[in-house]
Amino acid sequence: MRLPLADRWFERQTISDDVTLFVEPHVIELMRCNIWHVRGRDRDLVIDTGMGVASLVDAMADLLDKPVTAVATHGHGDHVGGHHEFDDVIAHRAEAADVESPELQTLNLLAAWGPEALDGLRRAGYAVDDDYFVTALPPGVTLESFGQSPATVTRSVVDGDAIDLGDRQFEVLHLPGHSPGSIGLWESATGTFFSGDAIYDGPLLDELPGSDTADYCATMRRLLELPVDVVHAGHEPSFGRDRLRQIAQDYLNKRA
């Protein structure tokens, strides 16, 4: 099968002077990860890197004027495909192996996951009727040639560790449930929270391999107490404190 060619793989949105959002519009909605660039004085952050179908470094070239740390909020394939392009890579120690040996070596949904996993995603509320994870391909990439490249995790982190950009400090929050080593990055000075897939404004997935509903409930209770101003999540649009509390409480009402 031949897919259409995409003349531009990434789209970007300027969120503020120091935060830029990148997305892959030709990736199916389920796998369309939010990729965040955060500017610091001494060092920048890239939070999650998408599918790895095209070069993220090339797409961000005009922003990358200082050392960069690429953070994996967790090791799922829609979040770690581009980490191999960066020399400094951070992940929770429970996810490091998944970053270093990424899961997706095919763009075919059925071949990658199997029918039972796809049925579970449908039950969770996602439409997964496409044959492939993408609806187009960038020039030079074929369905047969795709495979995610291994990265090297240069620093593994745990709850309470800090990531210092010089003028900004982010605290690592270990937020298991979606996956064992899911993390978020919390900047208390500004009330900014990069949540990965621990919480986002869409159907939350807690029946994946490695997911744990009891851990997820504990994570939601913790997030209820977090005094956020804005949540930049792993999928879907950003939101504020009231919406975070509603999502967390709805999850607890369903699962606790």
Protein backbone atom coordinates (compact mmCIF):
# COMPACT_ATOMS: atom_id res chain seq x y z
CA MET A 1 0.00 0.00 0.00
CA ARG A 2 1.19 3.53 -0.80
CA LEU A 3 0.39 6.41 1.52
CA PRO A 4 0.29 10.06 0.46
CA LEU A 5 3.42 12.17 0.85
CA ALA A 6 3.41 14.86 3.53
CA ASP A 7 5.24 18.03 2.53
CA ARG A 8 5.56 19.03 6.20
CA TRP A 9 5.62 16.50 9.01
CA PHE A 10 5.43 18.72 12.12
CA GLU A 11 3.16 21.62 12.97
CA ARG A 12 4.08 24.07 15.70
CA GLN A 13 2.23 26.44 17.98
CA THR A 14 3.83 29.15 20.10
CA ILE A 15 2.25 28.84 23.55
CA SER A 16 4.35 31.56 25.23
CA ASP A 17 7.76 33.19 24.85
CA ASP A 18 9.37 30.08 26.32
CA VAL A 19 7.03 27.19 25.43
CA THR A 20 6.44 25.82 21.92
CA LEU A 21 4.20 22.88 21.04
CA PHE A 22 4.98 20.51 18.16
CA VAL A 23 2.55 17.89 16.86
CA GLU A 24 2.54 15.34 14.06
CA PRO A 25 -0.74 15.94 12.17
CA HIS A 26 -0.33 12.87 9.97
CA VAL A 27 -0.17 10.53 12.97
CA ILE A 28 -3.52 9.06 14.00
CA GLU A 29 -5.20 10.78 16.95
CA LEU A 30 -4.51 7.97 19.43
CA MET A 31 -0.75 8.31 18.87
CA ARG A 32 -0.52 12.07 18.24
CA CYS A 33 1.71 13.04 21.15
CA ASN A 34 2.26 16.62 22.28
CA ILE A 35 5.94 17.47 21.95
CA TRP A 36 7.04 20.39 24.11
CA HIS A 37 10.05 22.68 23.75
CA VAL A 38 10.80 24.73 26.88
CA ARG A 39 13.39 27.48 26.72
CA GLY A 40 15.71 28.04 29.67
CA ARG A 41 18.62 30.41 30.24
CA ASP A 42 21.36 27.79 30.21
CA ARG A 43 19.61 24.72 28.82
CA ASP A 44 16.38 23.88 27.02
CA LEU A 45 14.01 20.98 27.53
CA VAL A 46 12.30 18.83 24.95
CA ILE A 47 9.52 16.88 26.65
CA ASP A 48 8.60 13.76 24.65
CA THR A 49 9.57 13.35 21.01
CA GLY A 50 6.72 11.73 19.11
CA MET A 51 6.85 8.79 16.73
CA GLY A 52 10.27 9.31 15.18
CA VAL A 53 8.99 9.16 11.61
CA ALA A 54 10.80 12.40 10.66
CA SER A 55 13.62 14.37 12.29
CA LEU A 56 12.45 16.42 15.26
CA VAL A 57 15.84 18.12 15.53
CA ASP A 58 15.49 19.41 11.98
CA ALA A 59 12.00 20.72 12.72
CA MET A 60 13.23 22.50 15.87
CA ALA A 61 16.50 23.74 14.37
CA ASP A 62 15.70 27.45 14.74
CA LEU A 63 14.98 26.95 18.47
CA LEU A 64 17.98 24.81 19.40
CA ASP A 65 20.66 27.39 20.20
CA LYS A 66 21.93 25.91 23.48
CA PRO A 67 22.33 22.50 25.15
CA VAL A 68 19.13 20.46 25.18
CA THR A 69 17.81 17.79 27.53
CA ALA A 70 15.18 15.44 26.11
CA VAL A 71 12.82 14.06 28.76
CA ALA A 72 10.68 10.95 28.28
CA THR A 73 7.56 11.21 30.43
CA HIS A 74 7.26 7.46 29.85
CA GLY A 75 8.44 4.82 27.41
CA HIS A 76 5.47 4.30 25.09
CA GLY A 77 6.23 4.42 21.39
CA ASP A 78 4.26 7.58 20.62
CA HIS A 79 6.47 9.53 23.07
CA VAL A 80 10.03 8.30 22.50
CA GLY A 81 10.56 7.94 18.76
CA GLY A 82 12.90 10.93 18.48
CA HIS A 83 14.96 10.65 21.66
CA HIS A 84 17.85 9.07 19.77
CA GLU A 85 18.50 12.48 18.18
CA PHE A 86 19.53 13.99 21.52
CA ASP A 87 22.75 13.52 23.51
CA ASP A 88 21.21 14.20 26.94
CA VAL A 89 18.18 12.03 27.71
CA ILE A 90 16.24 11.72 30.97
CA ALA A 91 13.71 9.03 31.92
CA HIS A 92 12.44 7.40 35.08
CA ARG A 93 14.51 4.35 35.89
CA ALA A 94 11.44 2.13 35.41
CA GLU A 95 11.05 3.36 31.81
CA ALA A 96 14.68 3.65 30.71
CA ALA A 97 14.75 0.25 29.01
CA ASP A 98 11.73 1.19 26.88
CA VAL A 99 13.44 4.39 25.75
CA GLU A 100 16.60 2.51 24.88
CA SER A 101 14.70 -0.26 23.05
CA PRO A 102 11.61 1.49 21.63
CA GLU A 103 8.63 -0.69 20.92
CA LEU A 104 7.50 0.29 17.43
CA GLN A 105 9.31 -1.36 14.55
CA THR A 106 6.32 -1.27 12.22
CA LEU A 107 3.66 1.30 11.34
CA ASN A 108 0.99 -1.39 11.02
CA LEU A 109 -1.39 -1.26 14.00
CA LEU A 110 -2.43 -4.90 13.93
CA ALA A 111 1.13 -6.17 13.53
CA ALA A 112 2.39 -3.93 16.33
CA TRP A 113 -0.27 -4.63 18.93
CA GLY A 114 -2.56 -7.49 17.95
CA PRO A 115 -6.37 -7.69 17.96
CA GLU A 116 -6.90 -7.88 21.73
CA ALA A 117 -5.02 -4.64 22.38
CA LEU A 118 -6.93 -2.87 19.63
CA ASP A 119 -10.24 -4.07 21.09
CA GLY A 120 -9.18 -2.70 24.48
CA LEU A 121 -8.42 0.69 22.96
CA ARG A 122 -11.84 0.75 21.33
CA ARG A 123 -13.47 -0.02 24.67
CA ALA A 124 -11.58 2.90 26.18
CA GLY A 125 -13.13 5.22 23.61
CA TYR A 126 -10.58 5.44 20.80
CA ALA A 127 -11.30 4.88 17.13
CA VAL A 128 -8.60 2.54 15.87
CA ASP A 129 -9.97 1.57 12.49
CA ASP A 130 -6.93 2.69 10.49
CA ASP A 131 -4.49 0.13 9.17
CA TYR A 132 -1.47 2.24 10.06
CA PHE A 133 -0.30 4.64 12.76
CA VAL A 134 0.05 7.34 10.08
CA THR A 135 -2.12 8.68 7.25
CA ALA A 136 0.83 9.96 5.19
CA LEU A 137 4.63 9.67 5.13
CA PRO A 138 7.42 12.21 4.76
CA PRO A 139 9.64 11.98 1.67
CA GLY A 140 12.23 9.22 1.95
CA VAL A 141 10.29 7.13 4.47
CA THR A 142 8.38 4.00 3.52
CA LEU A 143 6.16 1.65 5.44
CA GLU A 144 8.81 -1.04 5.03
CA SER A 145 11.75 1.08 6.20
CA PHE A 146 10.26 2.49 9.41
CA GLY A 147 11.58 1.39 12.77
CA GLN A 148 12.15 3.41 15.92
CA SER A 149 15.81 3.94 16.77
CA PRO A 150 17.28 3.22 20.22
CA ALA A 151 18.27 6.12 22.43
CA THR A 152 20.73 6.28 25.32
CA VAL A 153 19.32 7.35 28.68
CA THR A 154 22.06 9.48 30.23
CA ARG A 155 20.21 10.16 33.50
CA SER A 156 17.53 8.12 35.21
CA VAL A 157 15.37 9.99 37.69
CA VAL A 158 13.02 9.28 40.57
CA ASP A 159 10.40 11.26 42.42
CA GLY A 160 11.72 14.54 43.82
CA ASP A 161 14.69 14.90 41.49
CA ALA A 162 15.25 18.31 39.92
CA ILE A 163 15.90 19.39 36.34
CA ASP A 164 17.67 22.76 36.28
CA LEU A 165 17.59 25.04 33.23
CA GLY A 166 19.52 27.83 34.95
CA ASP A 167 16.62 30.20 35.49
CA ARG A 168 13.95 27.51 35.81
CA GLN A 169 13.75 24.40 37.96
CA PHE A 170 11.38 21.51 37.39
CA GLU A 171 10.63 18.86 40.01
CA VAL A 172 10.18 15.30 38.82
CA LEU A 173 6.89 13.80 40.01
CA HIS A 174 6.61 10.02 39.76
CA LEU A 175 3.02 9.40 38.66
CA PRO A 176 2.52 5.68 37.98
CA GLY A 177 -0.67 4.12 36.71
CA HIS A 178 -0.64 4.63 32.97
CA SER A 179 2.82 3.04 33.07
CA PRO A 180 5.11 2.09 35.97
CA GLY A 181 7.55 4.96 35.50
CA SER A 182 5.34 7.75 34.21
CA ILE A 183 6.59 11.14 35.32
CA GLY A 184 5.47 14.74 35.20
CA LEU A 185 7.54 17.91 35.48
CA TRP A 186 6.31 20.48 38.00
CA GLU A 187 7.48 24.09 38.17
CA SER A 188 6.10 25.45 41.42
CA ALA A 189 7.27 29.03 40.74
CA THR A 190 4.89 29.36 37.79
CA GLY A 191 2.31 26.66 38.51
CA THR A 192 3.24 24.94 35.24
CA PHE A 193 2.86 21.18 35.01
CA PHE A 194 3.94 18.98 32.11
CA SER A 195 1.95 15.83 32.82
CA GLY A 196 2.78 13.36 30.05
CA ASP A 197 0.07 10.70 29.97
CA ALA A 198 -0.51 10.71 33.73
CA ILE A 199 -3.43 13.01 33.02
CA TYR A 200 -4.81 14.58 29.86
CA ASP A 201 -8.22 15.72 28.64
CA GLY A 202 -9.26 12.52 26.88
CA PRO A 203 -9.95 8.83 27.59
CA LEU A 204 -7.27 7.73 30.05
CA LEU A 205 -5.66 4.37 29.39
CA ASP A 206 -5.19 2.14 32.42
CA GLU A 207 -5.47 -1.36 30.91
CA LEU A 208 -2.24 -1.39 28.92
CA PRO A 209 0.60 -3.80 29.71
CA GLY A 210 2.24 -2.31 32.80
CA SER A 211 -0.77 -0.17 33.76
CA ASP A 212 -2.11 -0.36 37.30
CA THR A 213 -5.43 1.12 38.40
CA ALA A 214 -4.51 1.24 42.09
CA ASP A 215 -1.38 3.22 41.26
CA TYR A 216 -3.41 5.44 38.95
CA CYS A 217 -5.86 6.19 41.75
CA ALA A 218 -2.97 7.19 44.02
CA THR A 219 -1.63 9.43 41.26
CA MET A 220 -5.02 11.10 40.85
CA ARG A 221 -5.27 11.76 44.57
CA ARG A 222 -1.84 13.37 44.43
CA LEU A 223 -2.79 15.52 41.45
CA LEU A 224 -5.93 16.74 43.18
CA GLU A 225 -3.64 18.53 45.64
CA LEU A 226 -1.26 20.02 43.07
CA PRO A 227 -1.75 23.83 42.87
CA VAL A 228 -1.39 24.06 39.10
CA ASP A 229 -2.17 27.06 36.95
CA VAL A 230 -1.74 25.24 33.64
CA VAL A 231 -1.32 21.61 32.59
CA HIS A 232 0.53 20.88 29.36
CA ALA A 233 -0.33 17.24 28.79
CA GLY A 234 0.94 14.42 26.60
CA HIS A 235 -2.16 14.56 24.39
CA GLU A 236 -5.04 16.93 23.74
CA PRO A 237 -5.17 20.68 24.56
CA SER A 238 -3.76 22.23 27.73
CA PHE A 239 -6.08 23.02 30.64
CA GLY A 240 -6.21 24.58 34.09
CA ARG A 241 -6.62 23.60 37.71
CA ASP A 242 -10.38 23.17 37.71
CA ARG A 243 -10.29 20.83 34.74
CA LEU A 244 -7.42 18.83 36.26
CA ARG A 245 -9.44 18.30 39.41
CA GLN A 246 -12.50 17.30 37.44
CA ILE A 247 -10.60 14.74 35.36
CA ALA A 248 -8.88 13.32 38.44
CA GLN A 249 -12.10 13.12 40.45
CA ASP A 250 -14.01 11.54 37.57
CA TYR A 251 -11.31 8.87 37.34
CA LEU A 252 -11.52 8.19 41.08
CA ASN A 253 -15.32 8.01 40.93
CA LYS A 254 -14.97 5.37 38.21
CA ARG A 255 -12.09 3.30 39.58
CA ALA A 256 -11.62 3.87 43.31
